[in-house]
C-alpha atoms as a PDB file:
ATOM      1  CA  MET A   1     -30.046 -11.731  21.080  1.00  0.00           C
ATOM      2  CA  TYR A   2     -31.706 -11.540  17.375  1.00  0.00           C
ATOM      3  CA  LYS A   3     -31.715 -13.859  14.734  1.00  0.00           C
ATOM      4  CA  LEU A   4     -29.298 -14.037  12.171  1.00  0.00           C
ATOM      5  CA  LEU A   5     -29.907 -15.972   8.956  1.00  0.00           C
ATOM      6  CA  ILE A   6     -27.357 -16.327   6.503  1.00  0.00           C
ATOM      7  CA  ALA A   7     -27.387 -16.888   2.907  1.00  0.00           C
ATOM      8  CA  ASP A   8     -24.918 -17.090  -0.323  1.00  0.00           C
ATOM      9  CA  ASP A   9     -24.517 -20.077  -2.869  1.00  0.00           C
ATOM     10  CA  GLU A  10     -20.550 -19.744  -1.701  1.00  0.00           C
ATOM     11  CA  TYR A  11     -20.426 -22.230   0.588  1.00  0.00           C
ATOM     12  CA  GLU A  12     -17.190 -21.940   2.788  1.00  0.00           C
ATOM     13  CA  LEU A  13     -18.051 -17.924   2.423  1.00  0.00           C
ATOM     14  CA  ARG A  14     -21.283 -18.805   3.797  1.00  0.00           C
ATOM     15  CA  ASN A  15     -20.090 -20.897   6.309  1.00  0.00           C
ATOM     16  CA  GLY A  16     -16.921 -18.739   7.025  1.00  0.00           C
ATOM     17  CA  LEU A  17     -19.545 -16.181   7.942  1.00  0.00           C
ATOM     18  CA  CYS A  18     -21.128 -18.118  10.829  1.00  0.00           C
ATOM     19  CA  ARG A  19     -18.727 -19.371  12.627  1.00  0.00           C
ATOM     20  CA  PHE A  20     -15.492 -16.781  12.702  1.00  0.00           C
ATOM     21  CA  VAL A  21     -17.782 -13.599  12.824  1.00  0.00           C
ATOM     22  CA  PRO A  22     -18.602 -13.176  17.124  1.00  0.00           C
ATOM     23  CA  TRP A  23     -21.927 -12.630  16.040  1.00  0.00           C
ATOM     24  CA  SER A  24     -22.756 -12.811  19.686  1.00  0.00           C
ATOM     25  CA  GLN A  25     -20.491 -10.086  20.934  1.00  0.00           C
ATOM     26  CA  LEU A  26     -22.637  -8.078  18.393  1.00  0.00           C
ATOM     27  CA  GLY A  27     -25.938  -9.333  19.756  1.00  0.00           C
ATOM     28  CA  PHE A  28     -26.536 -11.572  17.214  1.00  0.00           C
ATOM     29  CA  GLU A  29     -26.897 -15.590  16.358  1.00  0.00           C
ATOM     30  CA  ALA A  30     -26.533 -16.945  13.428  1.00  0.00           C
ATOM     31  CA  ILE A  31     -29.662 -19.395  13.492  1.00  0.00           C
ATOM     32  CA  ARG A  32     -29.459 -20.362   9.796  1.00  0.00           C
ATOM     33  CA  GLN A  33     -28.065 -20.900   6.353  1.00  0.00           C
ATOM     34  CA  ALA A  34     -29.341 -20.394   3.224  1.00  0.00           C
ATOM     35  CA  GLU A  35     -27.644 -21.128  -0.416  1.00  0.00           C
ATOM     36  CA  ASN A  36     -30.313 -19.508  -2.685  1.00  0.00           C
ATOM     37  CA  GLY A  37     -33.115 -16.965  -2.342  1.00  0.00           C
ATOM     38  CA  GLN A  38     -35.576 -19.845  -1.886  1.00  0.00           C
ATOM     39  CA  GLU A  39     -34.875 -21.246   0.927  1.00  0.00           C
ATOM     40  CA  VAL A  40     -34.704 -17.649   2.187  1.00  0.00           C
ATOM     41  CA  LEU A  41     -37.990 -17.291   1.761  1.00  0.00           C
ATOM     42  CA  ASP A  42     -39.383 -19.933   3.675  1.00  0.00           C
ATOM     43  CA  ILE A  43     -37.047 -20.051   6.035  1.00  0.00           C
ATOM     44  CA  VAL A  44     -38.725 -16.772   7.490  1.00  0.00           C
ATOM     45  CA  ARG A  45     -41.531 -17.572   6.396  1.00  0.00           C
ATOM     46  CA  ALA A  46     -41.567 -20.359   9.231  1.00  0.00           C
ATOM     47  CA  ASP A  47     -39.114 -19.057  11.476  1.00  0.00           C
ATOM     48  CA  ASP A  48     -38.844 -15.365  13.653  1.00  0.00           C
ATOM     49  CA  ILE A  49     -35.539 -13.987  11.756  1.00  0.00           C
ATOM     50  CA  ASP A  50     -35.034 -11.173  12.558  1.00  0.00           C
ATOM     51  CA  VAL A  51     -31.895 -10.370   9.945  1.00  0.00           C
ATOM     52  CA  ILE A  52     -30.424 -11.342   6.575  1.00  0.00           C
ATOM     53  CA  LEU A  53     -27.430 -11.108   5.781  1.00  0.00           C
ATOM     54  CA  CYS A  54     -28.115 -11.911   2.199  1.00  0.00           C
ATOM     55  CA  ASP A  55     -25.870 -11.976  -0.761  1.00  0.00           C
ATOM     56  CA  ILE A  56     -27.489 -10.590  -3.608  1.00  0.00           C
ATOM     57  CA  LYS A  57     -26.529 -12.938  -6.853  1.00  0.00           C
ATOM     58  CA  MET A  58     -28.314 -16.328  -5.925  1.00  0.00           C
ATOM     59  CA  PRO A  59     -29.621 -18.889  -7.512  1.00  0.00           C
ATOM     60  CA  ILE A  60     -33.637 -19.340  -8.106  1.00  0.00           C
ATOM     61  CA  LEU A  61     -34.061 -16.065  -5.984  1.00  0.00           C
ATOM     62  CA  SER A  62     -31.602 -12.578  -6.423  1.00  0.00           C
ATOM     63  CA  GLY A  63     -30.571 -10.865  -4.005  1.00  0.00           C
ATOM     64  CA  ILE A  64     -33.579  -8.070  -4.969  1.00  0.00           C
ATOM     65  CA  ASP A  65     -36.369 -10.716  -5.732  1.00  0.00           C
ATOM     66  CA  VAL A  66     -35.800 -11.662  -2.062  1.00  0.00           C
ATOM     67  CA  ALA A  67     -35.510  -8.186  -0.246  1.00  0.00           C
ATOM     68  CA  ARG A  68     -39.055  -7.629  -2.958  1.00  0.00           C
ATOM     69  CA  GLU A  69     -40.408 -10.230  -1.226  1.00  0.00           C
ATOM     70  CA  LEU A  70     -40.281  -9.230   2.337  1.00  0.00           C
ATOM     71  CA  ARG A  71     -41.018  -5.980   1.655  1.00  0.00           C
ATOM     72  CA  HIS A  72     -44.248  -5.961   4.267  1.00  0.00           C
ATOM     73  CA  PHE A  73     -41.959  -8.216   6.835  1.00  0.00           C
ATOM     74  CA  PRO A  74     -40.450  -7.120  10.275  1.00  0.00           C
ATOM     75  CA  VAL A  75     -37.223  -7.966   9.369  1.00  0.00           C
ATOM     76  CA  GLU A  76     -34.393  -6.537   8.251  1.00  0.00           C
ATOM     77  CA  ILE A  77     -31.644  -8.016   5.200  1.00  0.00           C
ATOM     78  CA  VAL A  78     -28.163  -5.924   4.942  1.00  0.00           C
ATOM     79  CA  PHE A  79     -26.895  -7.003   1.001  1.00  0.00           C
ATOM     80  CA  LEU A  80     -23.706  -8.645   0.475  1.00  0.00           C
ATOM     81  CA  SER A  81     -22.136  -8.261  -3.350  1.00  0.00           C
ATOM     82  CA  GLY A  82     -19.216  -8.110  -5.391  1.00  0.00           C
ATOM     83  CA  TYR A  83     -20.571  -5.745  -7.581  1.00  0.00           C
ATOM     84  CA  ARG A  84     -18.480  -2.566  -7.316  1.00  0.00           C
ATOM     85  CA  GLU A  85     -20.063  -0.403  -9.327  1.00  0.00           C
ATOM     86  CA  PHE A  86     -23.397  -0.261  -7.147  1.00  0.00           C
ATOM     87  CA  GLU A  87     -26.075  -0.803  -9.834  1.00  0.00           C
ATOM     88  CA  TYR A  88     -28.542  -2.779  -7.697  1.00  0.00           C
ATOM     89  CA  ALA A  89     -27.960  -0.083  -4.743  1.00  0.00           C
ATOM     90  CA  GLN A  90     -31.113   1.808  -6.099  1.00  0.00           C
ATOM     91  CA  GLN A  91     -33.495  -1.343  -6.183  1.00  0.00           C
ATOM     92  CA  ALA A  92     -32.272  -1.765  -2.522  1.00  0.00           C
ATOM     93  CA  LEU A  93     -32.993   1.653  -1.603  1.00  0.00           C
ATOM     94  CA  VAL A  94     -36.509   1.805  -3.030  1.00  0.00           C
ATOM     95  CA  LEU A  95     -37.351  -2.022  -1.235  1.00  0.00           C
ATOM     96  CA  GLY A  96     -35.688  -0.930   2.535  1.00  0.00           C
ATOM     97  CA  VAL A  97     -32.695  -3.002   2.073  1.00  0.00           C
ATOM     98  CA  LYS A  98     -30.285  -1.536   5.422  1.00  0.00           C
ATOM     99  CA  ASN A  99     -27.240  -1.854   4.118  1.00  0.00           C
ATOM    100  CA  TYR A 100     -24.725  -2.660   1.929  1.00  0.00           C
ATOM    101  CA  ILE A 101     -21.368  -4.566   2.441  1.00  0.00           C
ATOM    102  CA  LEU A 102     -18.691  -5.478  -0.799  1.00  0.00           C
ATOM    103  CA  LYS A 103     -17.449  -9.004  -0.806  1.00  0.00           C
ATOM    104  CA  PRO A 104     -14.766 -10.165   0.438  1.00  0.00           C
ATOM    105  CA  PRO A 105     -16.377  -8.963   3.568  1.00  0.00           C
ATOM    106  CA  LYS A 106     -13.854  -7.116   6.180  1.00  0.00           C
ATOM    107  CA  LEU A 107     -14.881  -8.088   9.338  1.00  0.00           C
ATOM    108  CA  GLN A 108     -14.544  -4.153  10.829  1.00  0.00           C
ATOM    109  CA  GLU A 109     -17.107  -3.144   8.677  1.00  0.00           C
ATOM    110  CA  LEU A 110     -19.365  -5.940   9.634  1.00  0.00           C
ATOM    111  CA  GLU A 111     -18.964  -5.312  13.338  1.00  0.00           C
ATOM    112  CA  HIS A 112     -19.904  -1.533  12.297  1.00  0.00           C
ATOM    113  CA  VAL A 113     -23.071  -2.424  11.022  1.00  0.00           C
ATOM    114  CA  PHE A 114     -24.301  -4.862  12.827  1.00  0.00           C
ATOM    115  CA  LYS A 115     -23.601  -2.890  16.034  1.00  0.00           C
ATOM    116  CA  GLY A 116     -25.575   0.043  14.213  1.00  0.00           C
ATOM    117  CA  LEU A 117     -28.287  -2.423  13.434  1.00  0.00           C
ATOM    118  CA  LYS A 118     -28.524  -3.863  16.512  1.00  0.00           C
ATOM    119  CA  GLU A 119     -29.024  -0.246  18.400  1.00  0.00           C
ATOM    120  CA  GLU A 120     -32.022   0.337  15.799  1.00  0.00           C
ATOM    121  CA  LEU A 121     -33.195  -3.280  16.815  1.00  0.00           C
ATOM    122  CA  ASP A 122     -33.223  -2.427  20.646  1.00  0.00           C
ATOM    123  CA  HIS A 123     -34.937   1.000  19.741  1.00  0.00           C
ATOM    124  CA  ARG A 124     -37.178  -0.290  18.577  1.00  0.00           C
ATOM    125  CA  ARG A 125     -37.979  -3.205  20.906  1.00  0.00           C
ATOM    126  CA  THR A 126     -37.692  -0.526  23.324  1.00  0.00           C
ATOM    127  CA  ILE A 127     -40.351   2.120  21.652  1.00  0.00           C
ATOM    128  CA  GLY A 128     -43.033  -0.916  20.317  1.00  0.00           C
ATOM    129  CA  PRO A 129     -43.805  -2.259  17.034  1.00  0.00           C
ATOM    130  CA  ALA A 130     -46.606   1.529  16.679  1.00  0.00           C
ATOM    131  CA  LYS A 131     -43.275   3.334  16.698  1.00  0.00           C
ATOM    132  CA  ALA A 132     -41.216   0.993  15.257  1.00  0.00           C
ATOM    133  CA  ALA A 133     -40.349   2.374  11.742  1.00  0.00           C
ATOM    134  CA  PRO A 134     -38.053   5.198  11.479  1.00  0.00           C
ATOM    135  CA  GLU A 135     -39.238   7.291   9.241  1.00  0.00           C
ATOM    136  CA  VAL A 136     -37.238   8.666   6.226  1.00  0.00           C
ATOM    137  CA  GLU A 137     -37.284  12.344   7.310  1.00  0.00           C
ATOM    138  CA  THR A 138     -35.696  11.207  10.864  1.00  0.00           C
ATOM    139  CA  LEU A 139     -32.959   9.831   9.356  1.00  0.00           C
ATOM    140  CA  ILE A 140     -31.942  12.192   6.380  1.00  0.00           C
ATOM    141  CA  ALA A 141     -32.154  14.927   9.535  1.00  0.00           C
ATOM    142  CA  LYS A 142     -30.109  13.599  11.410  1.00  0.00           C
ATOM    143  CA  ILE A 143     -27.259  13.094   8.591  1.00  0.00           C
ATOM    144  CA  LYS A 144     -28.386  17.578   7.560  1.00  0.00           C
ATOM    145  CA  ARG A 145     -27.558  17.645  11.392  1.00  0.00           C
ATOM    146  CA  TYR A 146     -24.696  16.147  11.496  1.00  0.00           C
ATOM    147  CA  ILE A 147     -23.176  18.082   8.460  1.00  0.00           C
ATOM    148  CA  GLU A 148     -24.327  21.187   9.912  1.00  0.00           C
ATOM    149  CA  GLN A 149     -22.397  19.907  13.452  1.00  0.00           C
ATOM    150  CA  ASN A 150     -19.196  19.392  11.612  1.00  0.00           C
ATOM    151  CA  TYR A 151     -19.650  21.075   8.228  1.00  0.00           C
ATOM    152  CA  LYS A 152     -15.840  22.367   8.739  1.00  0.00           C
ATOM    153  CA  ASP A 153     -13.974  18.696   8.410  1.00  0.00           C
ATOM    154  CA  VAL A 154     -17.571  16.615   7.535  1.00  0.00           C
ATOM    155  CA  THR A 155     -16.200  13.772   4.811  1.00  0.00           C
ATOM    156  CA  LEU A 156     -18.249  10.846   3.142  1.00  0.00           C
ATOM    157  CA  GLU A 157     -16.048   8.273   5.358  1.00  0.00           C
ATOM    158  CA  ARG A 158     -16.942   9.765   8.925  1.00  0.00           C
ATOM    159  CA  THR A 159     -20.789  11.111   8.189  1.00  0.00           C
ATOM    160  CA  ALA A 160     -21.423   6.915   6.938  1.00  0.00           C
ATOM    161  CA  ARG A 161     -19.846   5.936   9.655  1.00  0.00           C
ATOM    162  CA  TYR A 162     -21.410   7.887  12.317  1.00  0.00           C
ATOM    163  CA  ILE A 163     -24.548   6.837  10.996  1.00  0.00           C
ATOM    164  CA  HIS A 164     -23.892   3.025  10.789  1.00  0.00           C
ATOM    165  CA  LEU A 165     -24.201   2.987   6.625  1.00  0.00           C
ATOM    166  CA  ASN A 166     -22.026   1.821   3.272  1.00  0.00           C
ATOM    167  CA  GLN A 167     -20.604   5.329   1.995  1.00  0.00           C
ATOM    168  CA  HIS A 168     -21.340   4.281  -1.078  1.00  0.00           C
ATOM    169  CA  TYR A 169     -24.908   3.490   0.378  1.00  0.00           C
ATOM    170  CA  LEU A 170     -25.561   6.438   1.856  1.00  0.00           C
ATOM    171  CA  SER A 171     -24.092   8.443  -0.601  1.00  0.00           C
ATOM    172  CA  LYS A 172     -27.367   7.422  -3.156  1.00  0.00           C
ATOM    173  CA  TYR A 173     -29.754   7.428  -0.327  1.00  0.00           C
ATOM    174  CA  PHE A 174     -28.824  10.873   0.673  1.00  0.00           C
ATOM    175  CA  LYS A 175     -29.334  11.740  -3.201  1.00  0.00           C
ATOM    176  CA  GLN A 176     -32.387  10.050  -3.871  1.00  0.00           C
ATOM    177  CA  LYS A 177     -33.781  10.967  -0.513  1.00  0.00           C
ATOM    178  CA  THR A 178     -33.171  14.310  -1.213  1.00  0.00           C
ATOM    179  CA  GLY A 179     -32.802  15.262  -4.931  1.00  0.00           C
ATOM    180  CA  GLU A 180     -29.348  16.562  -3.899  1.00  0.00           C
ATOM    181  CA  ASN A 181     -25.676  15.244  -4.229  1.00  0.00           C
ATOM    182  CA  PHE A 182     -24.326  14.819   0.159  1.00  0.00           C
ATOM    183  CA  SER A 183     -21.071  16.687  -1.496  1.00  0.00           C
ATOM    184  CA  ASP A 184     -23.904  19.959  -2.518  1.00  0.00           C
ATOM    185  CA  TYR A 185     -25.758  19.849   0.368  1.00  0.00           C
ATOM    186  CA  VAL A 186     -22.125  19.914   2.481  1.00  0.00           C
ATOM    187  CA  ILE A 187     -21.474  22.765   0.294  1.00  0.00           C
ATOM    188  CA  ARG A 188     -24.241  24.954   0.504  1.00  0.00           C
ATOM    189  CA  VAL A 189     -24.049  24.531   4.413  1.00  0.00           C
ATOM    190  CA  LYS A 190     -20.167  25.943   4.204  1.00  0.00           C
ATOM    191  CA  MET A 191     -21.297  28.666   2.067  1.00  0.00           C
ATOM    192  CA  GLU A 192     -24.162  29.866   4.415  1.00  0.00           C
ATOM    193  CA  LYS A 193     -22.064  29.362   7.097  1.00  0.00           C
ATOM    194  CA  ALA A 194     -19.546  31.800   5.554  1.00  0.00           C
ATOM    195  CA  LYS A 195     -22.629  34.674   4.627  1.00  0.00           C
ATOM    196  CA  GLU A 196     -22.885  34.319   7.978  1.00  0.00           C
ATOM    197  CA  LEU A 197     -18.717  34.839   9.151  1.00  0.00           C
ATOM    198  CA  LEU A 198     -18.968  37.642   6.302  1.00  0.00           C
ATOM    199  CA  ALA A 199     -21.053  39.467   7.757  1.00  0.00           C
ATOM    200  CA  ASP A 200     -18.506  41.070  11.036  1.00  0.00           C
ATOM    201  CA  PRO A 201     -16.231  43.052   9.135  1.00  0.00           C
ATOM    202  CA  ASN A 202     -13.375  42.309  11.377  1.00  0.00           C
ATOM    203  CA  SER A 203     -12.772  38.749   9.816  1.00  0.00           C
ATOM    204  CA  LYS A 204     -10.707  37.865   6.920  1.00  0.00           C
ATOM    205  CA  THR A 205     -11.230  36.353   4.595  1.00  0.00           C
ATOM    206  CA  TYR A 206      -8.729  32.905   4.839  1.00  0.00           C
ATOM    207  CA  GLU A 207      -9.508  33.080   8.025  1.00  0.00           C
ATOM    208  CA  ILE A 208     -13.018  32.566   7.523  1.00  0.00           C
ATOM    209  CA  SER A 209     -11.463  30.399   4.282  1.00  0.00           C
ATOM    210  CA  GLU A 210     -10.196  27.993   7.842  1.00  0.00           C
ATOM    211  CA  MET A 211     -13.556  27.978   9.300  1.00  0.00           C
ATOM    212  CA  VAL A 212     -15.554  26.581   6.912  1.00  0.00           C
ATOM    213  CA  GLY A 213     -12.963  24.035   6.552  1.00  0.00           C
ATOM    214  CA  TYR A 214     -10.814  25.160   3.595  1.00  0.00           C
ATOM    215  CA  THR A 215      -6.511  25.038   3.717  1.00  0.00           C
ATOM    216  CA  SER A 216      -6.680  27.338   0.427  1.00  0.00           C
ATOM    217  CA  ALA A 217      -8.769  31.480   0.648  1.00  0.00           C
ATOM    218  CA  LYS A 218      -8.470  30.847  -3.716  1.00  0.00           C
ATOM    219  CA  ASN A 219     -10.537  27.541  -3.183  1.00  0.00           C
ATOM    220  CA  PHE A 220     -12.468  29.169  -0.972  1.00  0.00           C
ATOM    221  CA  THR A 221     -13.421  32.377  -2.939  1.00  0.00           C
ATOM    222  CA  ARG A 222     -13.690  30.117  -5.875  1.00  0.00           C
ATOM    223  CA  SER A 223     -16.162  27.984  -3.839  1.00  0.00           C
ATOM    224  CA  PHE A 224     -18.020  31.256  -3.011  1.00  0.00           C
ATOM    225  CA  ARG A 225     -18.218  32.826  -5.991  1.00  0.00           C
ATOM    226  CA  LYS A 226     -19.635  29.561  -7.684  1.00  0.00           C
ATOM    227  CA  TYR A 227     -22.254  29.555  -5.089  1.00  0.00           C
ATOM    228  CA  THR A 228     -23.542  33.342  -4.653  1.00  0.00           C
ATOM    229  CA  GLY A 229     -22.373  34.432  -8.416  1.00  0.00           C
ATOM    230  CA  LYS A 230     -20.333  37.273  -6.187  1.00  0.00           C
ATOM    231  CA  SER A 231     -16.492  36.861  -4.597  1.00  0.00           C
ATOM    232  CA  PRO A 232     -16.467  37.325  -0.260  1.00  0.00           C
ATOM    233  CA  ARG A 233     -15.467  40.913  -0.549  1.00  0.00           C
ATOM    234  CA  GLU A 234     -18.155  41.631  -3.865  1.00  0.00           C
ATOM    235  CA  TYR A 235     -20.597  40.314  -1.064  1.00  0.00           C
ATOM    236  CA  ARG A 236     -19.419  42.032   1.617  1.00  0.00           C
ATOM    237  CA  ASN A 237     -19.320  44.976   0.056  1.00  0.00           C
ATOM    238  CA  PRO A 238     -21.883  45.392  -2.216  1.00  0.00           C
ATOM    239  CA  LYS A 239     -21.717  48.226  -5.120  1.00  0.00           C
END
């Protein structure tokens, strides 16, 4: 079992998370609670905590303050917040926060996030501390590989589910680490695949359109022209 600390200044939410989420089935034990950021730091420094489920807005020290202070500690942090604008997501990424869950937290999302986190912790435990922290490039490569293998019907939501990240968080993470919007990368993969398919003189534009995930050949042509500066026909038969 991995040791979990739940931190939130709202007692009912904090206590409810401890009591009603089936943590043991997910591989975690909710052993401690904290109502402010300073308590979180005190507990982590005194006890062996693996994961913190932490409200981003707390008295004394915020979740961001906590993440900053524990940046080099061997502990993972998942933020819990009511800020739908994700105004703190960028700071969270820089500080290495693992995920971001909106209040009120849904059981399905909690289970999804913590299942993925357990897999990662299990992997780290298996390979040992020397290779523990997965490199950013590894995660980005995994995201890109998933897109490239599922370009026809890939979506941000499906990719986030596969990677075990909140979809809004994934979008910001991908942009920060690659400098490219998730949607732009998906389009680029689709258009590069379309260019390959256009090399076959027997393929029809509407067929290629469907093969790269467009239900409308007109929309496909518009996207292709925007990407290449040419229509599919012009690209295939340059003058």
